[in-house]
Amino acid sequence: MACTQPRRLAATKPATRVADEMGIILGEEVGYQIRDDNIISQDKQKKTRLAYMTEGVLLRQLSMDKNLSA
């Protein structure tokens, strides 16, 4: 699931807080993707379920994969 934010700080802070409140390591179930920084799991066993990201990152992903199959 993707949660878009307009700015990089608005994407990183909520992801950090949610992971902290859930008592999990940032990047496992909750992470973020911004330009030049990517804290999400690519592991098929522990794939990130909620990714906070900037609108630009989501648009870039859509341009590369219209179905967002990953």
Foldseek 3Di string as FASTA:
>chain_A
DEDADADPVVQAVVQVVVCVVVVHDEAFQGHEDEVPDGRHDPDPVRGHNYYYYHPVVVVVCCVVPVVSPD
